[in-house]
C-alpha atoms as a PDB file:
ATOM      1  CA  UNK A   1      75.557 106.342 175.193  1.00  0.00           C
ATOM      2  CA  UNK A   2      77.165 102.921 175.140  1.00  0.00           C
ATOM      3  CA  UNK A   3      75.376  99.735 176.011  1.00  0.00           C
ATOM      4  CA  UNK A   4      77.581  96.779 176.844  1.00  0.00           C
ATOM      5  CA  UNK A   5      76.107  93.321 176.996  1.00  0.00           C
ATOM      6  CA  UNK A   6      78.081  90.296 178.168  1.00  0.00           C
ATOM      7  CA  UNK A   7      76.386  86.907 177.802  1.00  0.00           C
ATOM      8  CA  UNK A   8      76.994  84.575 179.682  1.00  0.00           C
ATOM      9  CA  UNK A   9      79.713  85.834 182.007  1.00  0.00           C
ATOM     10  CA  UNK A  10      79.833  82.705 184.173  1.00  0.00           C
ATOM     11  CA  UNK A  11      81.563  80.578 181.497  1.00  0.00           C
ATOM     12  CA  UNK A  12      85.324  80.428 180.990  1.00  0.00           C
ATOM     13  CA  UNK A  13      85.023  82.086 177.616  1.00  0.00           C
ATOM     14  CA  UNK A  14      83.003  84.959 176.311  1.00  0.00           C
ATOM     15  CA  UNK A  15      80.229  84.000 173.924  1.00  0.00           C
ATOM     16  CA  UNK A  16      78.710  87.334 172.970  1.00  0.00           C
ATOM     17  CA  UNK A  17      79.755  90.928 173.406  1.00  0.00           C
ATOM     18  CA  UNK A  18      78.036  93.886 171.789  1.00  0.00           C
ATOM     19  CA  UNK A  19      78.950  97.556 171.883  1.00  0.00           C
ATOM     20  CA  UNK A  20      76.435 100.150 170.843  1.00  0.00           C
ATOM     21  CA  UNK A  21      77.968 103.572 170.223  1.00  0.00           C
ATOM     22  CA  UNK A  22      75.467 106.266 169.301  1.00  0.00           C
ATOM     23  CA  UNK A  23      77.883 108.893 167.977  1.00  0.00           C
ATOM     24  CA  UNK A  24      79.794 109.061 164.731  1.00  0.00           C
ATOM     25  CA  UNK A  25      83.595 108.612 164.779  1.00  0.00           C
ATOM     26  CA  UNK A  26      84.122 112.307 164.017  1.00  0.00           C
ATOM     27  CA  UNK A  27      82.007 113.562 166.933  1.00  0.00           C
ATOM     28  CA  UNK A  28      83.649 114.878 170.116  1.00  0.00           C
ATOM     29  CA  UNK A  29      83.890 112.363 172.917  1.00  0.00           C
ATOM     30  CA  UNK A  30      84.031 109.385 170.567  1.00  0.00           C
ATOM     31  CA  UNK A  31      87.613 108.478 171.492  1.00  0.00           C
ATOM     32  CA  UNK A  32      86.581 108.346 175.150  1.00  0.00           C
ATOM     33  CA  UNK A  33      83.937 105.777 174.253  1.00  0.00           C
ATOM     34  CA  UNK A  34      86.418 103.644 172.371  1.00  0.00           C
ATOM     35  CA  UNK A  35      88.510 103.367 175.532  1.00  0.00           C
ATOM     36  CA  UNK A  36      85.653 101.213 176.825  1.00  0.00           C
ATOM     37  CA  UNK A  37      86.938  98.469 174.523  1.00  0.00           C
ATOM     38  CA  UNK A  38      90.298  98.676 176.265  1.00  0.00           C
ATOM     39  CA  UNK A  39      88.617  98.539 179.673  1.00  0.00           C
ATOM     40  CA  UNK A  40      86.676  95.446 178.625  1.00  0.00           C
ATOM     41  CA  UNK A  41      89.881  93.792 177.396  1.00  0.00           C
ATOM     42  CA  UNK A  42      91.518  94.456 180.781  1.00  0.00           C
ATOM     43  CA  UNK A  43      88.442  93.124 182.597  1.00  0.00           C
ATOM     44  CA  UNK A  44      88.517  89.965 180.474  1.00  0.00           C
ATOM     45  CA  UNK A  45      92.177  89.363 181.314  1.00  0.00           C
ATOM     46  CA  UNK A  46      91.684  89.955 185.023  1.00  0.00           C
ATOM     47  CA  UNK A  47      88.756  87.491 185.093  1.00  0.00           C
ATOM     48  CA  UNK A  48      90.649  84.880 183.069  1.00  0.00           C
ATOM     49  CA  UNK A  49      88.287  85.132 180.119  1.00  0.00           C
ATOM     50  CA  UNK A  50      89.356  85.178 176.490  1.00  0.00           C
ATOM     51  CA  UNK A  51      87.912  87.001 173.536  1.00  0.00           C
ATOM     52  CA  UNK A  52      88.345  85.302 170.178  1.00  0.00           C
ATOM     53  CA  UNK A  53      89.521  88.261 168.128  1.00  0.00           C
ATOM     54  CA  UNK A  54      89.473  86.233 164.899  1.00  0.00           C
ATOM     55  CA  UNK A  55      85.693  85.837 165.239  1.00  0.00           C
ATOM     56  CA  UNK A  56      85.131  89.424 166.375  1.00  0.00           C
ATOM     57  CA  UNK A  57      83.702  91.941 163.916  1.00  0.00           C
ATOM     58  CA  UNK A  58      82.312  95.435 163.972  1.00  0.00           C
ATOM     59  CA  UNK A  59      79.604  97.182 161.995  1.00  0.00           C
ATOM     60  CA  UNK A  60      78.726 100.848 161.542  1.00  0.00           C
ATOM     61  CA  UNK A  61      74.967 101.283 161.311  1.00  0.00           C
ATOM     62  CA  UNK A  62      73.970 104.407 159.432  1.00  0.00           C
ATOM     63  CA  UNK A  63      71.561 105.480 156.720  1.00  0.00           C
ATOM     64  CA  UNK A  64      74.151 107.900 155.322  1.00  0.00           C
ATOM     65  CA  UNK A  65      75.858 106.865 152.095  1.00  0.00           C
ATOM     66  CA  UNK A  66      79.268 108.269 152.979  1.00  0.00           C
ATOM     67  CA  UNK A  67      80.329 106.976 156.377  1.00  0.00           C
ATOM     68  CA  UNK A  68      83.923 107.673 157.382  1.00  0.00           C
ATOM     69  CA  UNK A  69      86.115 104.604 157.511  1.00  0.00           C
ATOM     70  CA  UNK A  70      87.057 103.309 160.907  1.00  0.00           C
ATOM     71  CA  UNK A  71      89.536 100.694 162.017  1.00  0.00           C
ATOM     72  CA  UNK A  72      89.364  99.071 165.422  1.00  0.00           C
ATOM     73  CA  UNK A  73      92.105  96.861 166.765  1.00  0.00           C
ATOM     74  CA  UNK A  74      92.553  94.791 169.889  1.00  0.00           C
ATOM     75  CA  UNK A  75      96.013  93.505 170.849  1.00  0.00           C
ATOM     76  CA  UNK A  76      97.467  94.714 167.529  1.00  0.00           C
ATOM     77  CA  UNK A  77      94.867  92.735 165.572  1.00  0.00           C
ATOM     78  CA  UNK A  78      92.458  94.644 163.374  1.00  0.00           C
ATOM     79  CA  UNK A  79      88.792  93.729 163.622  1.00  0.00           C
ATOM     80  CA  UNK A  80      86.924  92.979 160.408  1.00  0.00           C
ATOM     81  CA  UNK A  81      84.156  95.364 159.406  1.00  0.00           C
ATOM     82  CA  UNK A  82      80.973  93.615 158.285  1.00  0.00           C
ATOM     83  CA  UNK A  83      77.869  94.769 156.427  1.00  0.00           C
ATOM     84  CA  UNK A  84      75.411  92.417 158.151  1.00  0.00           C
ATOM     85  CA  UNK A  85      75.400  90.340 161.303  1.00  0.00           C
ATOM     86  CA  UNK A  86      73.129  87.550 162.479  1.00  0.00           C
ATOM     87  CA  UNK A  87      72.004  88.197 166.036  1.00  0.00           C
ATOM     88  CA  UNK A  88      69.401  85.990 167.723  1.00  0.00           C
ATOM     89  CA  UNK A  89      68.322  84.628 164.334  1.00  0.00           C
ATOM     90  CA  UNK A  90      67.779  88.018 162.679  1.00  0.00           C
ATOM     91  CA  UNK A  91      70.203  89.549 160.206  1.00  0.00           C
ATOM     92  CA  UNK A  92      70.937  93.182 161.013  1.00  0.00           C
ATOM     93  CA  UNK A  93      72.439  95.080 158.097  1.00  0.00           C
ATOM     94  CA  UNK A  94      74.388  98.324 158.079  1.00  0.00           C
ATOM     95  CA  UNK A  95      71.519 100.536 156.891  1.00  0.00           C
ATOM     96  CA  UNK A  96      68.694  98.728 158.736  1.00  0.00           C
ATOM     97  CA  UNK A  97      66.852  97.960 155.514  1.00  0.00           C
ATOM     98  CA  UNK A  98      66.517  94.277 156.557  1.00  0.00           C
ATOM     99  CA  UNK A  99      67.167  93.143 152.957  1.00  0.00           C
ATOM    100  CA  UNK A 100      69.680  90.504 154.076  1.00  0.00           C
ATOM    101  CA  UNK A 101      67.185  89.007 156.516  1.00  0.00           C
ATOM    102  CA  UNK A 102      64.357  89.068 153.985  1.00  0.00           C
ATOM    103  CA  UNK A 103      66.555  87.305 151.417  1.00  0.00           C
ATOM    104  CA  UNK A 104      67.399  84.686 154.056  1.00  0.00           C
ATOM    105  CA  UNK A 105      63.720  84.073 154.826  1.00  0.00           C
ATOM    106  CA  UNK A 106      62.833  83.987 151.126  1.00  0.00           C
ATOM    107  CA  UNK A 107      65.380  81.201 150.550  1.00  0.00           C
ATOM    108  CA  UNK A 108      63.923  79.229 153.464  1.00  0.00           C
ATOM    109  CA  UNK A 109      60.374  79.684 152.120  1.00  0.00           C
ATOM    110  CA  UNK A 110      61.382  78.524 148.632  1.00  0.00           C
ATOM    111  CA  UNK A 111      63.074  75.413 150.063  1.00  0.00           C
ATOM    112  CA  UNK A 112      59.906  74.665 152.004  1.00  0.00           C
ATOM    113  CA  UNK A 113      57.921  75.190 148.804  1.00  0.00           C
ATOM    114  CA  UNK A 114      59.876  72.360 147.196  1.00  0.00           C
ATOM    115  CA  UNK A 115      59.110  70.063 150.110  1.00  0.00           C
ATOM    116  CA  UNK A 116      55.423  70.978 149.991  1.00  0.00           C
ATOM    117  CA  UNK A 117      55.341  70.386 146.237  1.00  0.00           C
ATOM    118  CA  UNK A 118      56.592  66.832 146.760  1.00  0.00           C
ATOM    119  CA  UNK A 119      54.214  66.186 149.651  1.00  0.00           C
ATOM    120  CA  UNK A 120      51.035  67.588 148.128  1.00  0.00           C
ATOM    121  CA  UNK A 121      50.362  64.461 146.055  1.00  0.00           C
ATOM    122  CA  UNK A 122      50.677  62.146 149.072  1.00  0.00           C
ATOM    123  CA  UNK A 123      48.901  63.915 151.938  1.00  0.00           C
ATOM    124  CA  UNK A 124      45.694  65.814 152.616  1.00  0.00           C
ATOM    125  CA  UNK A 125      45.389  69.591 152.877  1.00  0.00           C
ATOM    126  CA  UNK A 126      45.376  69.506 156.704  1.00  0.00           C
ATOM    127  CA  UNK A 127      48.780  67.853 156.730  1.00  0.00           C
ATOM    128  CA  UNK A 128      50.030  70.413 154.204  1.00  0.00           C
ATOM    129  CA  UNK A 129      48.825  73.172 156.527  1.00  0.00           C
ATOM    130  CA  UNK A 130      50.805  71.641 159.383  1.00  0.00           C
ATOM    131  CA  UNK A 131      53.901  71.479 157.183  1.00  0.00           C
ATOM    132  CA  UNK A 132      53.306  75.096 156.115  1.00  0.00           C
ATOM    133  CA  UNK A 133      53.034  76.264 159.716  1.00  0.00           C
ATOM    134  CA  UNK A 134      56.170  74.403 160.753  1.00  0.00           C
ATOM    135  CA  UNK A 135      58.402  75.217 157.753  1.00  0.00           C
ATOM    136  CA  UNK A 136      57.147  78.595 156.505  1.00  0.00           C
ATOM    137  CA  UNK A 137      55.029  80.395 159.060  1.00  0.00           C
ATOM    138  CA  UNK A 138      57.573  80.008 161.854  1.00  0.00           C
ATOM    139  CA  UNK A 139      60.195  81.902 159.818  1.00  0.00           C
ATOM    140  CA  UNK A 140      57.721  84.587 158.802  1.00  0.00           C
ATOM    141  CA  UNK A 141      56.461  85.091 162.341  1.00  0.00           C
ATOM    142  CA  UNK A 142      59.841  85.279 164.099  1.00  0.00           C
ATOM    143  CA  UNK A 143      60.942  88.896 164.463  1.00  0.00           C
ATOM    144  CA  UNK A 144      58.151  90.213 162.260  1.00  0.00           C
ATOM    145  CA  UNK A 145      57.710  93.255 164.496  1.00  0.00           C
ATOM    146  CA  UNK A 146      61.312  94.219 163.740  1.00  0.00           C
ATOM    147  CA  UNK A 147      61.682  93.596 159.999  1.00  0.00           C
ATOM    148  CA  UNK A 148      58.047  93.589 158.853  1.00  0.00           C
ATOM    149  CA  UNK A 149      57.880  97.337 158.296  1.00  0.00           C
ATOM    150  CA  UNK A 150      60.518  97.230 155.548  1.00  0.00           C
ATOM    151  CA  UNK A 151      59.998  98.874 152.197  1.00  0.00           C
ATOM    152  CA  UNK A 152      57.662  97.198 149.748  1.00  0.00           C
ATOM    153  CA  UNK A 153      60.515  96.713 147.277  1.00  0.00           C
ATOM    154  CA  UNK A 154      62.470  94.770 149.914  1.00  0.00           C
ATOM    155  CA  UNK A 155      59.438  92.618 150.758  1.00  0.00           C
ATOM    156  CA  UNK A 156      58.362  91.902 147.167  1.00  0.00           C
ATOM    157  CA  UNK A 157      60.512  88.769 146.748  1.00  0.00           C
ATOM    158  CA  UNK A 158      59.173  87.307 149.996  1.00  0.00           C
ATOM    159  CA  UNK A 159      55.625  88.174 148.972  1.00  0.00           C
ATOM    160  CA  UNK A 160      56.110  86.340 145.669  1.00  0.00           C
ATOM    161  CA  UNK A 161      57.592  83.291 147.423  1.00  0.00           C
ATOM    162  CA  UNK A 162      54.653  83.122 149.844  1.00  0.00           C
ATOM    163  CA  UNK A 163      52.165  83.258 146.961  1.00  0.00           C
ATOM    164  CA  UNK A 164      54.079  80.461 145.257  1.00  0.00           C
ATOM    165  CA  UNK A 165      53.766  78.274 148.356  1.00  0.00           C
ATOM    166  CA  UNK A 166      50.017  78.881 148.515  1.00  0.00           C
ATOM    167  CA  UNK A 167      49.600  78.104 144.799  1.00  0.00           C
ATOM    168  CA  UNK A 168      51.531  74.859 145.231  1.00  0.00           C
ATOM    169  CA  UNK A 169      49.475  73.837 148.257  1.00  0.00           C
ATOM    170  CA  UNK A 170      46.140  74.442 146.550  1.00  0.00           C
ATOM    171  CA  UNK A 171      47.123  73.208 143.056  1.00  0.00           C
ATOM    172  CA  UNK A 172      46.249  76.682 141.752  1.00  0.00           C
ATOM    173  CA  UNK A 173      47.358  77.775 138.315  1.00  0.00           C
ATOM    174  CA  UNK A 174      49.744  80.655 137.817  1.00  0.00           C
ATOM    175  CA  UNK A 175      47.855  83.905 137.226  1.00  0.00           C
ATOM    176  CA  UNK A 176      49.119  85.885 134.261  1.00  0.00           C
END
């Protein structure tokens, strides 16, 4: 099964195109599905749209450790294979462990922790809560249904960063 998504098709250039192929490269019928890329390229040309091949990438999503290598080319230009991709603000990685996205959120939370640490001496706790909800909670909440069921080892760094923010906000001492 292949799902093709073209957004938005009314512009003179193509902003986003995603192919989802559910079979491995060694499975029968896979080459037929790759001809869809050629059909899309022909459709783009006939509708006077361009695809920026330099910005195009592909990713093989699998939990297997040994995935066969694959090279995809359009107009004699090879596409780059990537390990993670940011789509709608969420990093999708090749094994769906969400570690890349969790690391991204952890960095954002720690930056917000620095801002809260500077503000806590100047403002009341209600203002700190508003800053927390705008700088931290919004990142935690977005896409939580997708990445929130990750392994506890992947979430441990984010958990620690969130506790640090709460300790900074409440002037709590570090528990040893």
